[in-house]
Amino acid sequence: MKSEERTMQRILIVDDDVSLRRVLEYNLQEAGYEVLTAGSGEEGVRLFEERGPALVITDLKMPGMGGFQLLQQIKEKSPETLVIVITAFGAVETAVEAMKLGAYDFITKPFNRDALRLTVLKALDMQGLSRENRRLKEELSEREAYRNIVGISRRMEEVFRIIGRVADTEATVLITGESGTGKELVARAVHGQSGRRSAPFVAINCAAIPRDLLESELFGHVKGAFTGAVKDKVGKFRQADGGTLFLDEVGELPVELQSKLLRALQEKEVQPVGGTAPQKLDVRVVAATNADLEEAIEEGRFREDLFYRLSVIPVHLPPLRERTEDIPLLVRHFVAKHGGAAVAFAPATLEVMAAYGWPGNVRELENTVERMLIMRNGDTITPEDLPEKVRHGRSAPRECPVVNLPDEGYSLEQLEREIVVEALERNNWNQSSAARFLRIPRHTLIYRMEKYTITPPEKRR
């Protein structure tokens, strides 16, 4: 370590022996360190709290607060701070006891100047390596959080931007999108980028569990709460304590459980089935759905107050047919994932794949790539290798009708307004049905109606 680098390192010496303290101070200052000194354990604690040294060197035997007590207080306040203890020659057992309590190393009196400097240098180098290792692990964790979310399209860049903005907050997130678009991957990315990344990520599919068991799965139960409850059960909320709970297909949650979920979100506590006392929890909730919750609210199938509690931060994942520019990148990703590194997709193959509608979205694309890697005849996938439905675009959306625009041009906004009005008229001005007809979220339709001052007939009177 260079001398100019050492000046950034602050060392605190705590010893009631004035002469020894001065010798230590002189040797370490000469080596280029910034040195603080204290004549007692109490003064050492005060200086430690005020100046935050990187390293503490303390005698073990001092009047008042001894070195053991000082060591314990420092480790409680700052586990990362390294402590070197000073002990008399022949009292190595005492030093070993201090190391069991968290001391990094020890030096014996009388000490050699070079041995002192080497011990300090090793301690600070180790501390630097430890911090660098932790930083690299955090960076790796962040990269891993995004590893399976692939996309360079404008729509996906917006998704990445939202994740980066909201991940390290405590806000609830509602992820919407068609089945197979990767909603759980986004939920895991939010967790992986948050301060909760080292705590559990617990997922539950609300549509996959029988209604009469779902409450117990979420909130747990106590022994004897119902027939078959032979022992206490910890619910998903308690399993996720300190971390993130992912509620997939939250739109399928029975109405009778929605009020209990709302209370859990508002009060940050749950009450197990059959329990008498609520349990405080620290859980962040991320939910996902492929259903139109606003339509469900209109039909009385979903609580409006729960919807607003869940959707503090909405994230919409576009279907694959709306981000076809991501298909080549996704194909390469799945080829590598399924062990086909030597396999190539011909440009014509990728063009055919981009023209297909992918009703199963990214999940269907992955299954198709995996199947082709298994069934291929060579190392280059041609259009003929594709499944028939992909080759012929069987599930591709219908082509947009031809619009005869006048030679003098036409306003795009006016054209969009006419399309919105026609969609509403075809669906008897039912906004949810019109939104599905236009393949857009309901809130997007409402925004367009407000933008173009489109008013339903019943409100024109």
Protein backbone atom coordinates (compact mmCIF):
# COMPACT_ATOMS: atom_id res chain seq x y z
CA MET A 1 0.00 0.00 0.00
CA LYS A 2 1.38 3.36 -1.00
CA SER A 3 1.94 6.06 1.60
CA GLU A 4 -0.62 8.40 0.00
CA GLU A 5 -3.19 5.59 0.19
CA ARG A 6 -2.50 5.08 3.90
CA THR A 7 -3.29 8.68 4.75
CA MET A 8 -6.90 7.82 3.95
CA GLN A 9 -6.83 5.18 6.72
CA ARG A 10 -7.64 6.37 10.25
CA ILE A 11 -6.41 4.33 13.23
CA LEU A 12 -7.52 4.71 16.84
CA ILE A 13 -5.08 3.71 19.62
CA VAL A 14 -6.59 3.07 23.08
CA ASP A 15 -4.12 2.50 25.93
CA ASP A 16 -3.72 3.92 29.42
CA ASP A 17 0.08 3.70 29.14
CA VAL A 18 1.09 7.15 27.89
CA SER A 19 4.58 6.17 26.73
CA LEU A 20 3.38 3.09 24.83
CA ARG A 21 0.59 5.11 23.28
CA ARG A 22 3.10 7.71 22.03
CA VAL A 23 5.40 5.05 20.58
CA LEU A 24 2.50 3.46 18.69
CA GLU A 25 1.34 6.86 17.48
CA TYR A 26 4.80 7.84 16.25
CA ASN A 27 5.39 4.56 14.40
CA LEU A 28 2.04 4.59 12.64
CA GLN A 29 2.20 8.28 11.73
CA GLU A 30 5.66 7.68 10.30
CA ALA A 31 4.13 4.89 8.18
CA GLY A 32 1.64 7.40 6.75
CA TYR A 33 -1.52 6.74 8.75
CA GLU A 34 -3.83 9.24 10.45
CA VAL A 35 -3.73 8.38 14.16
CA LEU A 36 -6.14 9.15 17.01
CA THR A 37 -5.30 8.31 20.64
CA ALA A 38 -7.35 7.70 23.77
CA GLY A 39 -6.19 7.04 27.35
CA SER A 40 -9.23 5.03 28.43
CA GLY A 41 -11.90 2.73 27.08
CA GLU A 42 -14.59 5.36 27.66
CA GLU A 43 -12.64 7.96 25.69
CA GLY A 44 -11.98 5.36 22.99
CA VAL A 45 -15.72 4.73 22.54
CA ARG A 46 -16.36 8.47 22.24
CA LEU A 47 -13.64 8.96 19.61
CA PHE A 48 -14.79 5.87 17.75
CA GLU A 49 -18.35 7.20 17.50
CA GLU A 50 -17.18 10.70 16.50
CA ARG A 51 -14.40 9.86 14.02
CA GLY A 52 -15.19 6.36 12.71
CA PRO A 53 -11.66 4.87 12.38
CA ALA A 54 -11.03 1.94 10.06
CA LEU A 55 -8.91 0.15 12.66
CA VAL A 56 -8.69 0.15 16.47
CA ILE A 57 -5.65 -0.95 18.46
CA THR A 58 -6.43 -1.42 22.14
CA ASP A 59 -4.79 -2.73 25.29
CA LEU A 60 -6.81 -5.40 27.06
CA LYS A 61 -6.02 -4.41 30.62
CA MET A 62 -7.06 -0.85 31.46
CA PRO A 63 -8.75 0.79 34.48
CA GLY A 64 -12.51 1.29 34.08
CA MET A 65 -13.65 -0.01 30.71
CA GLY A 66 -11.21 -2.74 29.70
CA GLY A 67 -10.25 -3.85 26.24
CA PHE A 68 -12.72 -6.75 26.17
CA GLN A 69 -15.66 -4.44 26.86
CA LEU A 70 -14.37 -1.90 24.33
CA LEU A 71 -14.02 -4.67 21.71
CA GLN A 72 -17.61 -5.81 22.28
CA GLN A 73 -19.01 -2.28 21.99
CA ILE A 74 -17.10 -1.60 18.76
CA LYS A 75 -18.26 -4.85 17.18
CA GLU A 76 -21.87 -4.13 18.16
CA LYS A 77 -21.71 -0.65 16.62
CA SER A 78 -19.66 -1.54 13.53
CA PRO A 79 -18.98 -5.23 12.78
CA GLU A 80 -16.76 -4.25 9.83
CA THR A 81 -14.26 -2.32 11.99
CA LEU A 82 -11.11 -4.32 12.68
CA VAL A 83 -9.65 -4.48 16.19
CA ILE A 84 -6.08 -5.46 17.10
CA VAL A 85 -5.47 -6.13 20.79
CA ILE A 86 -2.29 -5.54 22.77
CA THR A 87 -1.35 -8.11 25.37
CA ALA A 88 1.65 -8.86 27.55
CA PHE A 89 4.21 -11.41 26.41
CA GLY A 90 3.16 -14.85 27.65
CA ALA A 91 -0.54 -13.97 27.85
CA VAL A 92 -1.43 -15.40 24.46
CA GLU A 93 -4.48 -17.23 25.93
CA THR A 94 -6.02 -13.85 26.72
CA ALA A 95 -5.43 -12.64 23.18
CA VAL A 96 -7.00 -15.81 21.77
CA GLU A 97 -10.08 -15.17 23.89
CA ALA A 98 -10.28 -11.66 22.44
CA MET A 99 -10.09 -13.07 18.91
CA LYS A 100 -13.01 -15.35 19.71
CA LEU A 101 -14.96 -12.19 20.51
CA GLY A 102 -14.12 -10.67 17.14
CA ALA A 103 -10.60 -9.23 17.35
CA TYR A 104 -8.68 -9.50 14.08
CA ASP A 105 -5.20 -10.12 15.54
CA PHE A 106 -2.98 -9.35 18.51
CA ILE A 107 0.48 -7.90 19.21
CA THR A 108 2.53 -8.61 22.33
CA LYS A 109 4.50 -6.19 24.47
CA PRO A 110 7.26 -5.34 23.92
CA PHE A 111 6.60 -5.23 20.17
CA ASN A 112 8.83 -4.89 17.13
CA ARG A 113 8.19 -1.79 14.99
CA ASP A 114 8.22 -3.74 11.71
CA ALA A 115 5.94 -6.43 13.14
CA LEU A 116 3.49 -3.72 14.23
CA ARG A 117 3.42 -2.11 10.80
CA LEU A 118 3.05 -5.48 9.05
CA THR A 119 0.13 -6.49 11.29
CA VAL A 120 -1.64 -3.17 10.65
CA LEU A 121 -0.96 -3.35 6.90
CA LYS A 122 -2.34 -6.90 6.68
CA ALA A 123 -5.45 -5.91 8.65
CA LEU A 124 -6.26 -2.92 6.43
CA ASP A 125 -5.51 -4.85 3.24
CA MET A 126 -7.82 -7.63 4.38
CA GLN A 127 -10.52 -5.08 5.19
CA GLY A 128 -10.17 -3.56 1.70
CA LEU A 129 -10.38 -6.98 0.05
CA SER A 130 -13.44 -7.82 2.13
CA ARG A 131 -15.19 -4.63 1.04
CA GLU A 132 -14.24 -5.18 -2.60
CA ASN A 133 -15.49 -8.76 -2.42
CA ARG A 134 -18.79 -7.57 -0.96
CA ARG A 135 -19.11 -4.91 -3.67
CA LEU A 136 -18.47 -7.46 -6.41
CA LYS A 137 -21.03 -9.83 -4.89
CA GLU A 138 -23.60 -7.02 -4.86
CA GLU A 139 -22.83 -6.19 -8.50
CA LEU A 140 -23.11 -9.88 -9.40
CA SER A 141 -26.41 -10.07 -7.55
CA GLU A 142 -27.71 -7.07 -9.48
CA ARG A 143 -26.64 -8.54 -12.82
CA GLU A 144 -28.16 -11.89 -11.86
CA ALA A 145 -31.46 -10.17 -11.07
CA TYR A 146 -31.69 -9.00 -14.70
CA ARG A 147 -30.04 -12.04 -16.28
CA ASN A 148 -33.24 -13.71 -17.48
CA ILE A 149 -35.04 -10.54 -18.57
CA VAL A 150 -33.91 -10.06 -22.16
CA GLY A 151 -34.82 -7.16 -24.39
CA ILE A 152 -33.54 -4.08 -26.18
CA SER A 153 -36.88 -2.74 -27.42
CA ARG A 154 -38.18 0.61 -26.28
CA ARG A 155 -40.98 -1.09 -24.36
CA MET A 156 -38.53 -3.26 -22.41
CA GLU A 157 -36.18 -0.35 -21.76
CA GLU A 158 -39.10 1.34 -20.02
CA VAL A 159 -39.62 -1.78 -17.89
CA PHE A 160 -35.92 -1.78 -16.92
CA ARG A 161 -36.13 1.91 -16.06
CA ILE A 162 -39.08 1.39 -13.74
CA ILE A 163 -37.42 -1.55 -12.01
CA GLY A 164 -34.30 0.54 -11.39
CA ARG A 165 -36.34 3.41 -9.96
CA VAL A 166 -38.62 1.44 -7.63
CA ALA A 167 -36.59 -1.61 -6.58
CA ASP A 168 -34.94 -0.01 -3.56
CA THR A 169 -38.18 1.50 -2.24
CA GLU A 170 -40.86 -0.12 -0.10
CA ALA A 171 -43.68 0.57 -2.58
CA THR A 172 -45.94 -2.29 -3.64
CA VAL A 173 -45.65 -3.18 -7.32
CA LEU A 174 -48.38 -4.56 -9.61
CA ILE A 175 -47.07 -6.30 -12.73
CA THR A 176 -49.59 -6.77 -15.53
CA GLY A 177 -49.31 -8.57 -18.81
CA GLU A 178 -50.44 -11.60 -20.75
CA SER A 179 -49.55 -15.10 -19.60
CA GLY A 180 -45.98 -16.03 -20.47
CA THR A 181 -44.56 -12.50 -20.64
CA GLY A 182 -42.22 -13.03 -17.67
CA LYS A 183 -43.98 -11.35 -14.75
CA GLU A 184 -42.24 -13.45 -12.10
CA LEU A 185 -38.84 -12.60 -13.62
CA VAL A 186 -39.64 -8.90 -13.16
CA ALA A 187 -40.74 -9.55 -9.58
CA ARG A 188 -37.46 -11.34 -8.87
CA ALA A 189 -35.54 -8.46 -10.46
CA VAL A 190 -37.32 -5.96 -8.19
CA HIS A 191 -36.37 -8.11 -5.18
CA GLY A 192 -32.82 -8.68 -6.42
CA GLN A 193 -32.20 -4.94 -6.84
CA SER A 194 -33.66 -4.03 -3.44
CA GLY A 195 -32.16 -3.84 0.01
CA ARG A 196 -34.07 -7.05 0.76
CA ARG A 197 -32.05 -9.10 -1.73
CA SER A 198 -30.40 -11.23 0.99
CA ALA A 199 -33.79 -12.07 2.56
CA PRO A 200 -36.30 -14.60 1.18
CA PHE A 201 -38.23 -14.21 -2.07
CA VAL A 202 -41.41 -16.25 -1.63
CA ALA A 203 -43.84 -16.83 -4.51
CA ILE A 204 -47.42 -18.11 -4.43
CA ASN A 205 -49.81 -18.61 -7.33
CA CYS A 206 -53.25 -17.59 -6.08
CA ALA A 207 -54.94 -19.47 -8.93
CA ALA A 208 -53.16 -22.77 -8.31
CA ILE A 209 -54.30 -23.38 -4.72
CA PRO A 210 -57.83 -24.52 -3.77
CA ARG A 211 -59.91 -21.68 -2.32
CA ASP A 212 -60.42 -23.41 1.04
CA LEU A 213 -56.64 -23.78 1.51
CA LEU A 214 -55.50 -20.42 0.19
CA GLU A 215 -56.05 -18.49 3.45
CA SER A 216 -53.93 -21.01 5.36
CA GLU A 217 -51.23 -20.90 2.66
CA LEU A 218 -51.04 -17.12 2.86
CA PHE A 219 -51.46 -16.44 6.56
CA GLY A 220 -50.76 -19.81 8.21
CA HIS A 221 -52.87 -21.61 10.80
CA VAL A 222 -52.66 -22.88 14.35
CA LYS A 223 -53.03 -26.49 15.41
CA GLY A 224 -56.67 -27.52 15.59
CA ALA A 225 -57.95 -24.56 13.54
CA PHE A 226 -59.80 -26.97 11.23
CA THR A 227 -59.99 -30.65 10.42
CA GLY A 228 -56.56 -31.81 9.34
CA ALA A 229 -54.66 -28.96 11.08
CA VAL A 230 -52.56 -31.33 13.18
CA LYS A 231 -49.81 -28.78 13.79
CA ASP A 232 -49.07 -25.09 13.40
CA LYS A 233 -48.33 -23.93 9.86
CA VAL A 234 -46.25 -20.93 8.88
CA GLY A 235 -47.89 -19.06 5.99
CA LYS A 236 -46.18 -17.46 3.00
CA PHE A 237 -46.28 -14.03 4.65
CA ARG A 238 -44.21 -15.23 7.61
CA GLN A 239 -41.88 -17.17 5.32
CA ALA A 240 -41.18 -13.90 3.47
CA ASP A 241 -40.58 -11.86 6.64
CA GLY A 242 -37.81 -9.36 5.90
CA GLY A 243 -38.02 -10.10 2.19
CA THR A 244 -40.50 -10.06 -0.69
CA LEU A 245 -43.78 -11.92 -1.20
CA PHE A 246 -44.82 -12.40 -4.83
CA LEU A 247 -48.57 -12.87 -5.30
CA ASP A 248 -48.99 -14.28 -8.80
CA GLU A 249 -52.45 -14.21 -10.41
CA VAL A 250 -53.69 -11.97 -7.61
CA GLY A 251 -56.85 -11.32 -9.62
CA GLU A 252 -57.96 -14.88 -8.75
CA LEU A 253 -57.89 -14.16 -5.01
CA PRO A 254 -61.38 -14.85 -3.57
CA VAL A 255 -63.27 -11.73 -2.52
CA GLU A 256 -63.53 -12.98 1.06
CA LEU A 257 -59.73 -13.05 1.34
CA GLN A 258 -59.13 -9.67 -0.27
CA SER A 259 -60.07 -7.75 2.88
CA LYS A 260 -57.61 -9.83 4.91
CA LEU A 261 -54.86 -9.16 2.36
CA LEU A 262 -55.69 -5.44 2.45
CA ARG A 263 -55.38 -5.43 6.23
CA ALA A 264 -52.03 -7.25 6.02
CA LEU A 265 -50.74 -4.58 3.64
CA GLN A 266 -52.08 -1.66 5.68
CA GLU A 267 -51.24 -2.87 9.21
CA LYS A 268 -48.16 -4.93 8.30
CA GLU A 269 -49.48 -7.84 10.34
CA VAL A 270 -51.26 -11.15 9.74
CA GLN A 271 -53.45 -13.37 11.87
CA PRO A 272 -53.18 -17.13 11.28
CA VAL A 273 -56.37 -19.13 10.77
CA GLY A 274 -57.63 -20.02 14.23
CA GLY A 275 -55.16 -17.64 15.88
CA THR A 276 -56.13 -15.00 18.43
CA ALA A 277 -53.23 -12.56 18.16
CA PRO A 278 -51.91 -10.78 15.04
CA GLN A 279 -48.24 -11.16 14.15
CA LYS A 280 -46.20 -8.15 13.04
CA LEU A 281 -44.25 -8.66 9.82
CA ASP A 282 -41.88 -6.77 7.55
CA VAL A 283 -42.81 -7.91 4.04
CA ARG A 284 -42.79 -6.15 0.69
CA VAL A 285 -45.53 -7.34 -1.66
CA VAL A 286 -45.19 -7.57 -5.43
CA ALA A 287 -48.29 -8.79 -7.24
CA ALA A 288 -48.99 -9.87 -10.82
CA THR A 289 -52.03 -10.58 -12.94
CA ASN A 290 -53.00 -11.23 -16.55
CA ALA A 291 -56.59 -10.20 -15.78
CA ASP A 292 -58.15 -6.77 -16.18
CA LEU A 293 -58.55 -5.80 -12.52
CA GLU A 294 -60.43 -2.61 -13.40
CA GLU A 295 -63.05 -4.70 -15.17
CA ALA A 296 -63.11 -7.05 -12.16
CA ILE A 297 -63.76 -4.02 -9.93
CA GLU A 298 -66.71 -2.99 -12.12
CA GLU A 299 -68.12 -6.49 -11.85
CA GLY A 300 -67.64 -6.64 -8.08
CA ARG A 301 -64.98 -9.37 -8.22
CA PHE A 302 -62.10 -7.26 -6.91
CA ARG A 303 -61.91 -4.61 -4.22
CA GLU A 304 -61.08 -1.16 -5.50
CA ASP A 305 -59.19 -0.19 -2.33
CA LEU A 306 -57.03 -3.32 -2.61
CA PHE A 307 -56.32 -2.53 -6.27
CA TYR A 308 -54.99 0.93 -5.39
CA ARG A 309 -52.97 -0.50 -2.49
CA LEU A 310 -51.33 -3.08 -4.77
CA SER A 311 -50.74 -0.82 -7.77
CA VAL A 312 -48.70 1.97 -6.18
CA ILE A 313 -46.17 1.23 -8.93
CA PRO A 314 -47.72 -0.37 -12.04
CA VAL A 315 -45.45 -2.22 -14.47
CA HIS A 316 -46.92 -3.47 -17.73
CA LEU A 317 -45.10 -6.17 -19.67
CA PRO A 318 -45.82 -6.00 -23.41
CA PRO A 319 -46.70 -9.19 -25.31
CA LEU A 320 -43.97 -10.59 -27.52
CA ARG A 321 -45.84 -9.64 -30.71
CA GLU A 322 -45.40 -5.98 -29.70
CA ARG A 323 -41.63 -6.24 -29.29
CA THR A 324 -40.57 -8.48 -32.14
CA GLU A 325 -37.19 -6.74 -32.33
CA ASP A 326 -36.30 -8.65 -29.14
CA ILE A 327 -36.87 -12.08 -30.73
CA PRO A 328 -33.29 -12.60 -32.11
CA LEU A 329 -31.84 -11.68 -28.71
CA LEU A 330 -34.28 -13.97 -26.89
CA VAL A 331 -33.49 -16.82 -29.29
CA ARG A 332 -29.75 -16.50 -28.59
CA HIS A 333 -30.48 -16.40 -24.87
CA PHE A 334 -32.54 -19.60 -24.98
CA VAL A 335 -30.04 -21.36 -27.24
CA ALA A 336 -27.31 -20.69 -24.66
CA LYS A 337 -29.60 -21.63 -21.78
CA HIS A 338 -30.47 -25.00 -23.28
CA GLY A 339 -26.97 -25.96 -24.31
CA GLY A 340 -27.06 -25.28 -28.01
CA ALA A 341 -24.13 -22.86 -28.21
CA ALA A 342 -22.98 -24.26 -31.57
CA VAL A 343 -26.42 -23.90 -33.15
CA ALA A 344 -27.31 -20.92 -35.38
CA PHE A 345 -30.68 -19.64 -36.58
CA ALA A 346 -30.73 -18.59 -40.22
CA PRO A 347 -31.84 -14.96 -40.80
CA ALA A 348 -34.85 -16.23 -42.76
CA THR A 349 -35.84 -18.34 -39.75
CA LEU A 350 -35.79 -15.31 -37.46
CA GLU A 351 -37.92 -13.38 -39.98
CA VAL A 352 -40.55 -16.11 -39.96
CA MET A 353 -40.48 -16.21 -36.16
CA ALA A 354 -40.96 -12.44 -36.00
CA ALA A 355 -44.06 -12.71 -38.19
CA TYR A 356 -45.72 -15.22 -35.87
CA GLY A 357 -48.10 -13.90 -33.18
CA TRP A 358 -46.70 -15.91 -30.20
CA PRO A 359 -49.93 -16.19 -28.20
CA GLY A 360 -47.93 -17.91 -25.44
CA ASN A 361 -45.41 -15.06 -25.50
CA VAL A 362 -41.84 -15.57 -24.24
CA ARG A 363 -42.72 -18.90 -22.61
CA GLU A 364 -43.93 -20.28 -25.95
CA LEU A 365 -40.81 -18.96 -27.70
CA GLU A 366 -38.54 -20.70 -25.19
CA ASN A 367 -40.41 -23.99 -25.55
CA THR A 368 -40.17 -23.71 -29.34
CA VAL A 369 -36.42 -23.03 -29.27
CA GLU A 370 -35.81 -25.92 -26.87
CA ARG A 371 -37.85 -28.27 -29.09
CA MET A 372 -35.92 -27.24 -32.20
CA LEU A 373 -32.58 -27.79 -30.47
CA ILE A 374 -33.65 -31.34 -29.67
CA MET A 375 -35.21 -32.15 -33.04
CA ARG A 376 -32.79 -30.31 -35.35
CA ASN A 377 -31.10 -32.02 -38.30
CA GLY A 378 -28.00 -29.81 -38.35
CA ASP A 379 -26.30 -26.88 -36.69
CA THR A 380 -28.33 -24.28 -38.61
CA ILE A 381 -32.05 -23.92 -37.95
CA THR A 382 -33.90 -23.13 -41.19
CA PRO A 383 -37.54 -22.09 -41.66
CA GLU A 384 -38.36 -25.70 -42.58
CA ASP A 385 -37.29 -26.76 -39.06
CA LEU A 386 -39.92 -24.55 -37.44
CA PRO A 387 -43.22 -25.99 -36.20
CA GLU A 388 -45.95 -25.77 -38.81
CA LYS A 389 -48.05 -23.26 -36.89
CA VAL A 390 -45.04 -20.92 -36.65
CA ARG A 391 -44.15 -21.35 -40.34
CA HIS A 392 -47.65 -20.50 -41.45
CA GLY A 393 -48.27 -17.85 -38.84
CA ARG A 394 -51.42 -19.63 -37.71
CA SER A 395 -51.67 -17.67 -34.48
CA ALA A 396 -50.51 -14.37 -35.87
CA PRO A 397 -52.92 -11.48 -35.36
CA ARG A 398 -55.09 -10.51 -38.31
CA GLU A 399 -53.63 -7.96 -40.63
CA CYS A 400 -54.71 -4.38 -40.08
CA PRO A 401 -57.34 -3.29 -42.63
CA VAL A 402 -56.10 -1.05 -45.42
CA VAL A 403 -56.82 2.63 -44.78
CA ASN A 404 -57.33 4.81 -47.86
CA LEU A 405 -55.69 8.08 -46.88
CA PRO A 406 -56.34 11.24 -48.95
CA ASP A 407 -53.51 12.52 -51.13
CA GLU A 408 -53.27 15.74 -49.15
CA GLY A 409 -52.55 13.78 -45.95
CA TYR A 410 -54.49 13.13 -42.78
CA SER A 411 -54.08 13.86 -39.07
CA LEU A 412 -52.77 10.86 -37.14
CA GLU A 413 -54.54 12.10 -34.00
CA GLN A 414 -57.84 12.35 -35.88
CA LEU A 415 -57.37 8.84 -37.25
CA GLU A 416 -56.64 7.51 -33.77
CA ARG A 417 -59.73 9.28 -32.40
CA GLU A 418 -61.94 7.72 -35.07
CA ILE A 419 -60.55 4.25 -34.30
CA VAL A 420 -61.23 4.68 -30.57
CA VAL A 421 -64.79 5.89 -31.22
CA GLU A 422 -65.49 2.99 -33.60
CA ALA A 423 -64.15 0.46 -31.08
CA LEU A 424 -66.39 1.94 -28.38
CA GLU A 425 -69.44 1.96 -30.66
CA ARG A 426 -68.87 -1.66 -31.72
CA ASN A 427 -68.77 -2.65 -28.04
CA ASN A 428 -71.80 -0.59 -26.97
CA TRP A 429 -69.50 1.87 -25.20
CA ASN A 430 -68.30 -0.77 -22.73
CA GLN A 431 -64.78 0.47 -21.98
CA SER A 432 -63.39 -2.90 -20.86
CA SER A 433 -64.65 -4.66 -24.00
CA ALA A 434 -63.38 -1.84 -26.24
CA ALA A 435 -59.95 -1.98 -24.58
CA ARG A 436 -59.74 -5.72 -25.23
CA PHE A 437 -60.84 -5.13 -28.84
CA LEU A 438 -58.00 -2.62 -29.29
CA ARG A 439 -55.57 -4.84 -27.33
CA ILE A 440 -54.65 -2.09 -24.89
CA PRO A 441 -55.08 -1.75 -21.11
CA ARG A 442 -58.32 -0.13 -20.00
CA HIS A 443 -56.50 2.82 -18.41
CA THR A 444 -54.85 3.53 -21.79
CA LEU A 445 -58.27 3.65 -23.44
CA ILE A 446 -59.56 6.03 -20.75
CA TYR A 447 -56.52 8.26 -21.31
CA ARG A 448 -57.26 8.38 -25.07
CA MET A 449 -60.91 9.21 -24.39
CA GLU A 450 -59.88 12.11 -22.15
CA LYS A 451 -57.23 13.25 -24.63
CA TYR A 452 -59.70 13.39 -27.51
CA THR A 453 -62.70 14.47 -25.36
CA ILE A 454 -64.67 11.37 -26.30
CA THR A 455 -67.84 11.28 -24.21
CA PRO A 456 -70.20 8.27 -23.84
CA PRO A 457 -73.75 8.96 -25.20
CA GLU A 458 -75.39 8.83 -21.76
CA LYS A 459 -73.18 11.70 -20.55
CA ARG A 460 -73.90 13.99 -23.51
CA ARG A 461 -77.44 14.88 -22.41
